[in-house]
Amino acid sequence: MGCGSLARPFDFRAGHDGQKGWHCVRHHSKRVGITLYGDWDGRMARDYQMKENESNFLIIDRKGIIRYVSFGRITDEQFQEIEKLLDILVNGEG
């Protein structure tokens, strides 16, 4: 399944297009060296005290430090903040 090119090195919005989108998110995350996790058994939700019936979004750096947490819908402002943080983490500027 081809992903084409994304405008940015890593674009979470690509995942909103269903299965192909998630394939592309995984593909591009591997390309830039980011690991994505799914909480298949609920352990992560318990360990990180995530909220039920809401979207939970965390960014954990390579050292295991939680760098960003959000619950519910991510606003455009939050999305810009997330992009900046990921750029810093991926490019080693932070």
C-alpha atoms as a PDB file:
ATOM      1  CA  MET A   1       0.000   0.000   0.000  1.00  0.00           C
ATOM      2  CA  GLY A   2       1.650   3.250  -1.100  1.00  0.00           C
ATOM      3  CA  CYS A   3       1.630   6.342   1.065  1.00  0.00           C
ATOM      4  CA  GLY A   4       2.933   8.904  -1.355  1.00  0.00           C
ATOM      5  CA  SER A   5       4.758  11.750   0.275  1.00  0.00           C
ATOM      6  CA  LEU A   6       3.507  13.716   3.218  1.00  0.00           C
ATOM      7  CA  ALA A   7       3.986  17.460   3.371  1.00  0.00           C
ATOM      8  CA  ARG A   8       5.846  17.104   6.660  1.00  0.00           C
ATOM      9  CA  PRO A   9       8.173  14.311   7.793  1.00  0.00           C
ATOM     10  CA  PHE A  10       5.531  13.075  10.240  1.00  0.00           C
ATOM     11  CA  ASP A  11       1.856  14.017   9.928  1.00  0.00           C
ATOM     12  CA  PHE A  12      -0.630  12.506  12.401  1.00  0.00           C
ATOM     13  CA  ARG A  13      -3.553  13.759  10.330  1.00  0.00           C
ATOM     14  CA  ALA A  14      -2.706  11.107   7.745  1.00  0.00           C
ATOM     15  CA  GLY A  15      -4.164   8.576  10.200  1.00  0.00           C
ATOM     16  CA  HIS A  16      -7.644  10.032   9.946  1.00  0.00           C
ATOM     17  CA  ASP A  17      -8.244   8.395   6.554  1.00  0.00           C
ATOM     18  CA  GLY A  18      -8.827   4.912   7.942  1.00  0.00           C
ATOM     19  CA  GLN A  19      -6.585   1.892   7.464  1.00  0.00           C
ATOM     20  CA  LYS A  20      -4.408   3.411   4.729  1.00  0.00           C
ATOM     21  CA  GLY A  21      -3.806   6.445   6.922  1.00  0.00           C
ATOM     22  CA  TRP A  22      -2.588   4.351   9.856  1.00  0.00           C
ATOM     23  CA  HIS A  23      -0.351   2.360   7.517  1.00  0.00           C
ATOM     24  CA  CYS A  24       1.191   5.652   6.381  1.00  0.00           C
ATOM     25  CA  VAL A  25       1.622   6.896   9.950  1.00  0.00           C
ATOM     26  CA  ARG A  26       3.479   3.668  10.819  1.00  0.00           C
ATOM     27  CA  HIS A  27       5.575   3.924   7.645  1.00  0.00           C
ATOM     28  CA  HIS A  28       6.614   7.528   8.238  1.00  0.00           C
ATOM     29  CA  SER A  29       7.181   6.988  11.957  1.00  0.00           C
ATOM     30  CA  LYS A  30       9.670   4.227  11.127  1.00  0.00           C
ATOM     31  CA  ARG A  31      11.351   6.492   8.587  1.00  0.00           C
ATOM     32  CA  VAL A  32      12.005   9.202  11.191  1.00  0.00           C
ATOM     33  CA  GLY A  33      12.704   6.812  14.074  1.00  0.00           C
ATOM     34  CA  ILE A  34       9.562   7.277  16.180  1.00  0.00           C
ATOM     35  CA  THR A  35       7.852   4.315  17.815  1.00  0.00           C
ATOM     36  CA  LEU A  36       4.048   4.294  17.998  1.00  0.00           C
ATOM     37  CA  TYR A  37       2.230   2.113  20.491  1.00  0.00           C
ATOM     38  CA  GLY A  38      -1.313   0.809  20.603  1.00  0.00           C
ATOM     39  CA  ASP A  39      -2.807  -0.180  23.933  1.00  0.00           C
ATOM     40  CA  TRP A  40      -4.101  -3.589  22.916  1.00  0.00           C
ATOM     41  CA  ASP A  41      -4.644  -4.998  26.415  1.00  0.00           C
ATOM     42  CA  GLY A  42      -5.416  -1.868  28.471  1.00  0.00           C
ATOM     43  CA  ARG A  43      -2.229  -1.954  30.559  1.00  0.00           C
ATOM     44  CA  MET A  44      -0.929   1.348  29.229  1.00  0.00           C
ATOM     45  CA  ALA A  45      -4.242   3.059  30.052  1.00  0.00           C
ATOM     46  CA  ARG A  46      -4.018   1.812  33.635  1.00  0.00           C
ATOM     47  CA  ASP A  47      -0.315   2.622  34.027  1.00  0.00           C
ATOM     48  CA  TYR A  48      -0.680   6.168  32.678  1.00  0.00           C
ATOM     49  CA  GLN A  49      -4.110   6.806  34.256  1.00  0.00           C
ATOM     50  CA  MET A  50      -5.738   7.550  30.924  1.00  0.00           C
ATOM     51  CA  LYS A  51      -9.353   8.659  30.689  1.00  0.00           C
ATOM     52  CA  GLU A  52     -11.975   6.199  29.500  1.00  0.00           C
ATOM     53  CA  ASN A  53     -14.121   7.011  26.466  1.00  0.00           C
ATOM     54  CA  GLU A  54     -11.801   9.848  25.405  1.00  0.00           C
ATOM     55  CA  SER A  55      -8.850  10.149  23.100  1.00  0.00           C
ATOM     56  CA  ASN A  56      -5.620   9.998  25.083  1.00  0.00           C
ATOM     57  CA  PHE A  57      -2.424  11.279  23.514  1.00  0.00           C
ATOM     58  CA  LEU A  58       1.043  11.038  25.035  1.00  0.00           C
ATOM     59  CA  ILE A  59       4.499  11.738  23.719  1.00  0.00           C
ATOM     60  CA  ILE A  60       7.197   9.814  25.562  1.00  0.00           C
ATOM     61  CA  ASP A  61      10.787  10.527  24.604  1.00  0.00           C
ATOM     62  CA  ARG A  62      13.525   7.943  24.076  1.00  0.00           C
ATOM     63  CA  LYS A  63      14.530   8.185  27.728  1.00  0.00           C
ATOM     64  CA  GLY A  64      10.993   7.294  28.813  1.00  0.00           C
ATOM     65  CA  ILE A  65      10.117  10.816  29.944  1.00  0.00           C
ATOM     66  CA  ILE A  66       6.545  11.905  29.268  1.00  0.00           C
ATOM     67  CA  ARG A  67       6.891  15.102  27.251  1.00  0.00           C
ATOM     68  CA  TYR A  68       3.256  15.776  26.346  1.00  0.00           C
ATOM     69  CA  VAL A  69      -0.179  14.625  27.523  1.00  0.00           C
ATOM     70  CA  SER A  70      -3.596  15.501  26.152  1.00  0.00           C
ATOM     71  CA  PHE A  71      -7.080  14.110  26.672  1.00  0.00           C
ATOM     72  CA  GLY A  72     -10.021  14.638  24.339  1.00  0.00           C
ATOM     73  CA  ARG A  73      -9.957  16.351  20.970  1.00  0.00           C
ATOM     74  CA  ILE A  74      -6.661  17.947  19.977  1.00  0.00           C
ATOM     75  CA  THR A  75      -7.113  21.584  18.945  1.00  0.00           C
ATOM     76  CA  ASP A  76      -5.238  23.233  16.091  1.00  0.00           C
ATOM     77  CA  GLU A  77      -3.096  25.076  18.636  1.00  0.00           C
ATOM     78  CA  GLN A  78      -2.232  21.825  20.410  1.00  0.00           C
ATOM     79  CA  PHE A  79      -1.472  20.192  17.071  1.00  0.00           C
ATOM     80  CA  GLN A  80       1.044  22.948  16.284  1.00  0.00           C
ATOM     81  CA  GLU A  81       2.633  22.447  19.714  1.00  0.00           C
ATOM     82  CA  ILE A  82       2.835  18.685  19.089  1.00  0.00           C
ATOM     83  CA  GLU A  83       4.457  19.206  15.688  1.00  0.00           C
ATOM     84  CA  LYS A  84       7.092  21.500  17.216  1.00  0.00           C
ATOM     85  CA  LEU A  85       7.826  19.037  20.015  1.00  0.00           C
ATOM     86  CA  LEU A  86       8.136  16.110  17.596  1.00  0.00           C
ATOM     87  CA  ASP A  87      10.442  18.146  15.388  1.00  0.00           C
ATOM     88  CA  ILE A  88      12.632  18.918  18.408  1.00  0.00           C
ATOM     89  CA  LEU A  89      12.648  15.292  19.548  1.00  0.00           C
ATOM     90  CA  VAL A  90      13.313  13.857  16.077  1.00  0.00           C
ATOM     91  CA  ASN A  91      15.962  16.361  15.082  1.00  0.00           C
ATOM     92  CA  GLY A  92      17.644  16.425  18.484  1.00  0.00           C
ATOM     93  CA  GLU A  93      17.256  20.147  19.056  1.00  0.00           C
ATOM     94  CA  GLY A  94      15.809  19.807  22.539  1.00  0.00           C
END
